[in-house]
Amino acid sequence: MDSPDTPLQPVLGDRLDSWKEIAAYLKRDVRTLHRWEIEESLPIHRHPHKKRDSVYAYRTELDMWRNERHRRLDRRGAILSDTGTSRWESLPGRLPKASGYD
């Protein structure tokens, strides 16, 4: 039995071998995955080649990442609801409400 600190070993058939396969699995657009890889540490692996790298990911790692992301977003939503701020108001680049225009 694995301990909680032991990394999961990928199982046969667990690997997704392209951006399109990964996007289909997560039900998102490829561009969204590119953004998540940069901004939210989406677990993407790369195999280097002369011109371009090939990418792959493991379902188990994606599932763990997605579950942790949902927990972070839920905690953030709970904090925002405690402060009376909506998620929309807390988005980066969102202008504060102008007084008198509620």
N, C-alpha and C. Protein backbone atom coordinates (compact mmCIF):
# COMPACT_ATOMS: atom_id res chain seq x y z
N MET A 1 0.84 -1.18 0.00
CA MET A 1 0.00 0.00 0.00
C MET A 1 0.88 1.24 0.00
N ASP A 2 0.53 2.25 -0.80
CA ASP A 2 1.32 3.47 -0.89
C ASP A 2 1.03 4.38 0.28
N SER A 3 2.07 5.07 0.73
CA SER A 3 1.87 6.07 1.78
C SER A 3 1.40 7.36 1.11
N PRO A 4 0.82 8.30 1.87
CA PRO A 4 0.34 9.55 1.28
C PRO A 4 1.45 10.36 0.61
N ASP A 5 2.71 10.15 1.02
CA ASP A 5 3.81 10.91 0.45
C ASP A 5 4.40 10.27 -0.79
N THR A 6 3.98 9.05 -1.12
CA THR A 6 4.50 8.35 -2.28
C THR A 6 3.81 8.86 -3.54
N PRO A 7 4.59 9.30 -4.54
CA PRO A 7 3.95 9.77 -5.77
C PRO A 7 3.23 8.63 -6.47
N LEU A 8 2.12 8.96 -7.10
CA LEU A 8 1.37 7.94 -7.83
C LEU A 8 2.11 7.54 -9.08
N GLN A 9 2.14 6.27 -9.36
CA GLN A 9 2.74 5.77 -10.58
C GLN A 9 1.65 5.68 -11.64
N PRO A 10 1.89 6.23 -12.82
CA PRO A 10 0.89 6.14 -13.88
C PRO A 10 0.59 4.68 -14.23
N VAL A 11 -0.66 4.41 -14.54
CA VAL A 11 -1.06 3.07 -14.93
C VAL A 11 -1.17 3.01 -16.45
N LEU A 12 -1.14 1.80 -16.97
CA LEU A 12 -1.25 1.60 -18.41
C LEU A 12 -2.55 2.22 -18.92
N GLY A 13 -2.49 2.98 -19.98
CA GLY A 13 -3.67 3.62 -20.54
C GLY A 13 -4.00 4.94 -19.89
N ASP A 14 -3.17 5.39 -18.95
CA ASP A 14 -3.41 6.62 -18.21
C ASP A 14 -2.88 7.84 -18.97
N ARG A 15 -2.04 7.63 -19.96
CA ARG A 15 -1.35 8.74 -20.62
C ARG A 15 -2.19 9.31 -21.77
N LEU A 16 -2.22 10.65 -21.83
CA LEU A 16 -2.85 11.39 -22.93
C LEU A 16 -1.71 12.02 -23.73
N ASP A 17 -1.69 11.79 -25.05
CA ASP A 17 -0.50 12.10 -25.84
C ASP A 17 -0.56 13.33 -26.73
N SER A 18 -1.47 14.25 -26.48
CA SER A 18 -1.50 15.47 -27.28
C SER A 18 -2.33 16.52 -26.56
N TRP A 19 -2.17 17.77 -26.99
CA TRP A 19 -3.00 18.85 -26.43
C TRP A 19 -4.48 18.54 -26.65
N LYS A 20 -4.81 17.99 -27.84
CA LYS A 20 -6.22 17.70 -28.14
C LYS A 20 -6.79 16.63 -27.22
N GLU A 21 -6.01 15.58 -26.95
CA GLU A 21 -6.47 14.53 -26.04
C GLU A 21 -6.66 15.07 -24.62
N ILE A 22 -5.71 15.89 -24.18
CA ILE A 22 -5.80 16.47 -22.84
C ILE A 22 -7.00 17.41 -22.76
N ALA A 23 -7.19 18.24 -23.79
CA ALA A 23 -8.32 19.16 -23.82
C ALA A 23 -9.65 18.41 -23.80
N ALA A 24 -9.74 17.34 -24.56
CA ALA A 24 -10.98 16.54 -24.58
C ALA A 24 -11.24 15.93 -23.21
N TYR A 25 -10.19 15.44 -22.56
CA TYR A 25 -10.35 14.84 -21.24
C TYR A 25 -10.85 15.85 -20.21
N LEU A 26 -10.30 17.08 -20.26
CA LEU A 26 -10.70 18.12 -19.31
C LEU A 26 -11.91 18.92 -19.77
N LYS A 27 -12.37 18.64 -21.02
CA LYS A 27 -13.52 19.34 -21.60
C LYS A 27 -13.28 20.85 -21.66
N ARG A 28 -12.11 21.20 -22.15
CA ARG A 28 -11.71 22.60 -22.30
C ARG A 28 -11.01 22.79 -23.64
N ASP A 29 -10.85 24.03 -24.03
CA ASP A 29 -10.15 24.38 -25.26
C ASP A 29 -8.63 24.28 -25.03
N VAL A 30 -7.90 24.01 -26.10
CA VAL A 30 -6.44 23.89 -26.01
C VAL A 30 -5.82 25.18 -25.49
N ARG A 31 -6.33 26.32 -25.92
CA ARG A 31 -5.79 27.60 -25.45
C ARG A 31 -5.96 27.77 -23.94
N THR A 32 -7.07 27.27 -23.41
CA THR A 32 -7.28 27.31 -21.96
C THR A 32 -6.21 26.49 -21.25
N LEU A 33 -5.87 25.33 -21.82
CA LEU A 33 -4.83 24.50 -21.22
C LEU A 33 -3.48 25.19 -21.23
N HIS A 34 -3.16 25.89 -22.32
CA HIS A 34 -1.90 26.63 -22.39
C HIS A 34 -1.84 27.66 -21.26
N ARG A 35 -2.94 28.38 -21.07
CA ARG A 35 -3.01 29.38 -20.01
C ARG A 35 -2.87 28.73 -18.63
N TRP A 36 -3.60 27.62 -18.42
CA TRP A 36 -3.53 26.93 -17.13
C TRP A 36 -2.13 26.37 -16.86
N GLU A 37 -1.45 25.93 -17.91
CA GLU A 37 -0.09 25.42 -17.72
C GLU A 37 0.81 26.52 -17.17
N ILE A 38 0.67 27.72 -17.69
CA ILE A 38 1.50 28.85 -17.27
C ILE A 38 1.04 29.42 -15.93
N GLU A 39 -0.25 29.68 -15.81
CA GLU A 39 -0.77 30.41 -14.65
C GLU A 39 -1.14 29.53 -13.46
N GLU A 40 -1.48 28.26 -13.71
CA GLU A 40 -2.00 27.43 -12.63
C GLU A 40 -1.30 26.07 -12.50
N SER A 41 -0.13 25.96 -13.12
CA SER A 41 0.70 24.75 -13.00
C SER A 41 -0.01 23.47 -13.43
N LEU A 42 -0.72 23.53 -14.53
CA LEU A 42 -1.32 22.31 -15.09
C LEU A 42 -0.20 21.31 -15.35
N PRO A 43 -0.33 20.07 -14.86
CA PRO A 43 0.77 19.11 -14.97
C PRO A 43 0.94 18.52 -16.37
N ILE A 44 1.69 19.23 -17.19
CA ILE A 44 1.98 18.82 -18.56
C ILE A 44 3.45 18.40 -18.63
N HIS A 45 3.70 17.29 -19.30
CA HIS A 45 5.07 16.82 -19.50
C HIS A 45 5.45 17.07 -20.95
N ARG A 46 6.72 17.30 -21.19
CA ARG A 46 7.22 17.55 -22.55
C ARG A 46 8.35 16.60 -22.88
N HIS A 47 8.31 16.14 -24.12
CA HIS A 47 9.40 15.32 -24.65
C HIS A 47 10.05 16.14 -25.75
N PRO A 48 11.31 16.58 -25.54
CA PRO A 48 11.95 17.48 -26.51
C PRO A 48 12.31 16.79 -27.83
N HIS A 49 12.13 17.54 -28.90
CA HIS A 49 12.53 17.12 -30.24
C HIS A 49 13.30 18.28 -30.87
N LYS A 50 13.80 18.10 -32.09
CA LYS A 50 14.58 19.16 -32.73
C LYS A 50 13.76 20.44 -32.96
N LYS A 51 12.56 20.28 -33.49
CA LYS A 51 11.76 21.48 -33.81
C LYS A 51 10.79 21.86 -32.71
N ARG A 52 9.95 20.93 -32.31
CA ARG A 52 8.94 21.21 -31.28
C ARG A 52 8.87 20.05 -30.31
N ASP A 53 8.52 20.39 -29.07
CA ASP A 53 8.33 19.34 -28.06
C ASP A 53 6.98 18.67 -28.27
N SER A 54 6.91 17.39 -27.96
CA SER A 54 5.60 16.75 -27.88
C SER A 54 5.17 16.83 -26.42
N VAL A 55 3.88 16.88 -26.21
CA VAL A 55 3.36 17.00 -24.84
C VAL A 55 2.56 15.76 -24.49
N TYR A 56 2.51 15.48 -23.20
CA TYR A 56 1.67 14.40 -22.71
C TYR A 56 1.32 14.71 -21.27
N ALA A 57 0.29 14.06 -20.79
CA ALA A 57 -0.15 14.21 -19.41
C ALA A 57 -0.76 12.90 -18.96
N TYR A 58 -0.82 12.72 -17.66
CA TYR A 58 -1.42 11.52 -17.08
C TYR A 58 -2.76 11.89 -16.44
N ARG A 59 -3.76 11.07 -16.71
CA ARG A 59 -5.09 11.32 -16.14
C ARG A 59 -5.05 11.46 -14.62
N THR A 60 -4.29 10.60 -13.96
CA THR A 60 -4.23 10.65 -12.49
C THR A 60 -3.68 12.00 -12.01
N GLU A 61 -2.65 12.51 -12.67
CA GLU A 61 -2.10 13.82 -12.29
C GLU A 61 -3.09 14.94 -12.59
N LEU A 62 -3.77 14.86 -13.73
CA LEU A 62 -4.76 15.88 -14.07
C LEU A 62 -5.91 15.87 -13.07
N ASP A 63 -6.35 14.67 -12.68
CA ASP A 63 -7.45 14.57 -11.71
C ASP A 63 -7.04 15.16 -10.36
N MET A 64 -5.82 14.86 -9.92
CA MET A 64 -5.34 15.43 -8.65
C MET A 64 -5.24 16.95 -8.75
N TRP A 65 -4.71 17.45 -9.87
CA TRP A 65 -4.60 18.90 -10.07
C TRP A 65 -5.98 19.55 -10.06
N ARG A 66 -6.95 18.95 -10.77
CA ARG A 66 -8.30 19.51 -10.84
C ARG A 66 -8.96 19.52 -9.47
N ASN A 67 -8.81 18.45 -8.70
CA ASN A 67 -9.39 18.39 -7.36
C ASN A 67 -8.79 19.45 -6.45
N GLU A 68 -7.47 19.62 -6.51
CA GLU A 68 -6.82 20.65 -5.69
C GLU A 68 -7.26 22.04 -6.13
N ARG A 69 -7.39 22.25 -7.43
CA ARG A 69 -7.84 23.55 -7.95
C ARG A 69 -9.25 23.85 -7.45
N HIS A 70 -10.14 22.87 -7.47
CA HIS A 70 -11.50 23.07 -6.96
C HIS A 70 -11.49 23.42 -5.48
N ARG A 71 -10.63 22.74 -4.71
CA ARG A 71 -10.53 23.06 -3.28
C ARG A 71 -10.06 24.50 -3.07
N ARG A 72 -9.05 24.93 -3.86
CA ARG A 72 -8.55 26.31 -3.74
C ARG A 72 -9.65 27.31 -4.08
N LEU A 73 -10.37 27.05 -5.17
CA LEU A 73 -11.44 27.96 -5.57
C LEU A 73 -12.57 27.99 -4.54
N ASP A 74 -12.89 26.83 -3.96
CA ASP A 74 -13.93 26.79 -2.93
C ASP A 74 -13.50 27.58 -1.70
N ARG A 75 -12.23 27.42 -1.29
CA ARG A 75 -11.73 28.20 -0.13
C ARG A 75 -11.78 29.68 -0.44
N ARG A 76 -11.38 30.05 -1.65
CA ARG A 76 -11.39 31.46 -2.05
C ARG A 76 -12.81 32.00 -2.04
N GLY A 77 -13.76 31.20 -2.53
CA GLY A 77 -15.16 31.62 -2.53
C GLY A 77 -15.69 31.80 -1.12
N ALA A 78 -15.28 30.93 -0.19
CA ALA A 78 -15.72 31.05 1.20
C ALA A 78 -15.14 32.31 1.83
N ILE A 79 -13.89 32.60 1.54
CA ILE A 79 -13.26 33.81 2.08
C ILE A 79 -13.96 35.05 1.53
N LEU A 80 -14.24 35.05 0.23
CA LEU A 80 -14.90 36.21 -0.38
C LEU A 80 -16.30 36.39 0.18
N SER A 81 -17.02 35.30 0.42
CA SER A 81 -18.38 35.45 0.95
C SER A 81 -18.34 35.98 2.38
N ASP A 82 -17.29 35.62 3.13
CA ASP A 82 -17.14 36.15 4.49
C ASP A 82 -16.86 37.65 4.48
N THR A 83 -16.20 38.14 3.44
CA THR A 83 -15.87 39.56 3.37
C THR A 83 -16.95 40.37 2.66
N GLY A 84 -17.96 39.68 2.11
CA GLY A 84 -19.02 40.37 1.39
C GLY A 84 -18.65 40.78 -0.02
N THR A 85 -17.57 40.25 -0.53
CA THR A 85 -17.11 40.55 -1.88
C THR A 85 -17.50 39.40 -2.79
N SER A 86 -18.03 39.72 -3.97
CA SER A 86 -18.38 38.66 -4.91
C SER A 86 -17.14 38.23 -5.68
N ARG A 87 -17.19 37.05 -6.27
CA ARG A 87 -16.07 36.59 -7.10
C ARG A 87 -15.83 37.54 -8.25
N TRP A 88 -16.91 38.06 -8.84
CA TRP A 88 -16.80 38.98 -9.96
C TRP A 88 -16.03 40.23 -9.56
N GLU A 89 -16.31 40.77 -8.39
CA GLU A 89 -15.64 41.99 -7.93
C GLU A 89 -14.17 41.74 -7.63
N SER A 90 -13.81 40.50 -7.32
CA SER A 90 -12.44 40.21 -6.93
C SER A 90 -11.53 39.88 -8.11
N LEU A 91 -12.07 39.82 -9.32
CA LEU A 91 -11.26 39.48 -10.48
C LEU A 91 -10.21 40.54 -10.74
N PRO A 92 -8.99 40.12 -11.15
CA PRO A 92 -7.95 41.10 -11.47
C PRO A 92 -8.40 42.01 -12.60
N GLY A 93 -8.10 43.29 -12.47
CA GLY A 93 -8.46 44.25 -13.51
C GLY A 93 -9.88 44.76 -13.40
N ARG A 94 -10.65 44.25 -12.47
CA ARG A 94 -12.04 44.68 -12.28
C ARG A 94 -12.02 46.00 -11.53
N LEU A 95 -12.72 46.99 -12.05
CA LEU A 95 -12.79 48.29 -11.40
C LEU A 95 -13.69 48.22 -10.19
N PRO A 96 -13.37 48.94 -9.12
CA PRO A 96 -14.26 48.95 -7.96
C PRO A 96 -15.58 49.63 -8.31
N LYS A 97 -16.62 49.29 -7.55
CA LYS A 97 -17.92 49.91 -7.78
C LYS A 97 -17.83 51.41 -7.52
N ALA A 98 -18.47 52.18 -8.38
CA ALA A 98 -18.56 53.62 -8.17
C ALA A 98 -19.73 53.86 -7.21
N SER A 99 -19.51 54.72 -6.25
CA SER A 99 -20.58 54.96 -5.27
C SER A 99 -21.74 55.67 -5.96
N GLY A 100 -22.95 55.28 -5.55
CA GLY A 100 -24.13 55.90 -6.12
C GLY A 100 -24.64 55.22 -7.38
N TYR A 101 -23.95 54.18 -7.87
CA TYR A 101 -24.37 53.50 -9.08
C TYR A 101 -24.73 52.05 -8.84
N ASP A 102 -25.14 51.70 -7.63
CA ASP A 102 -25.45 50.32 -7.31
C ASP A 102 -26.77 49.89 -7.91
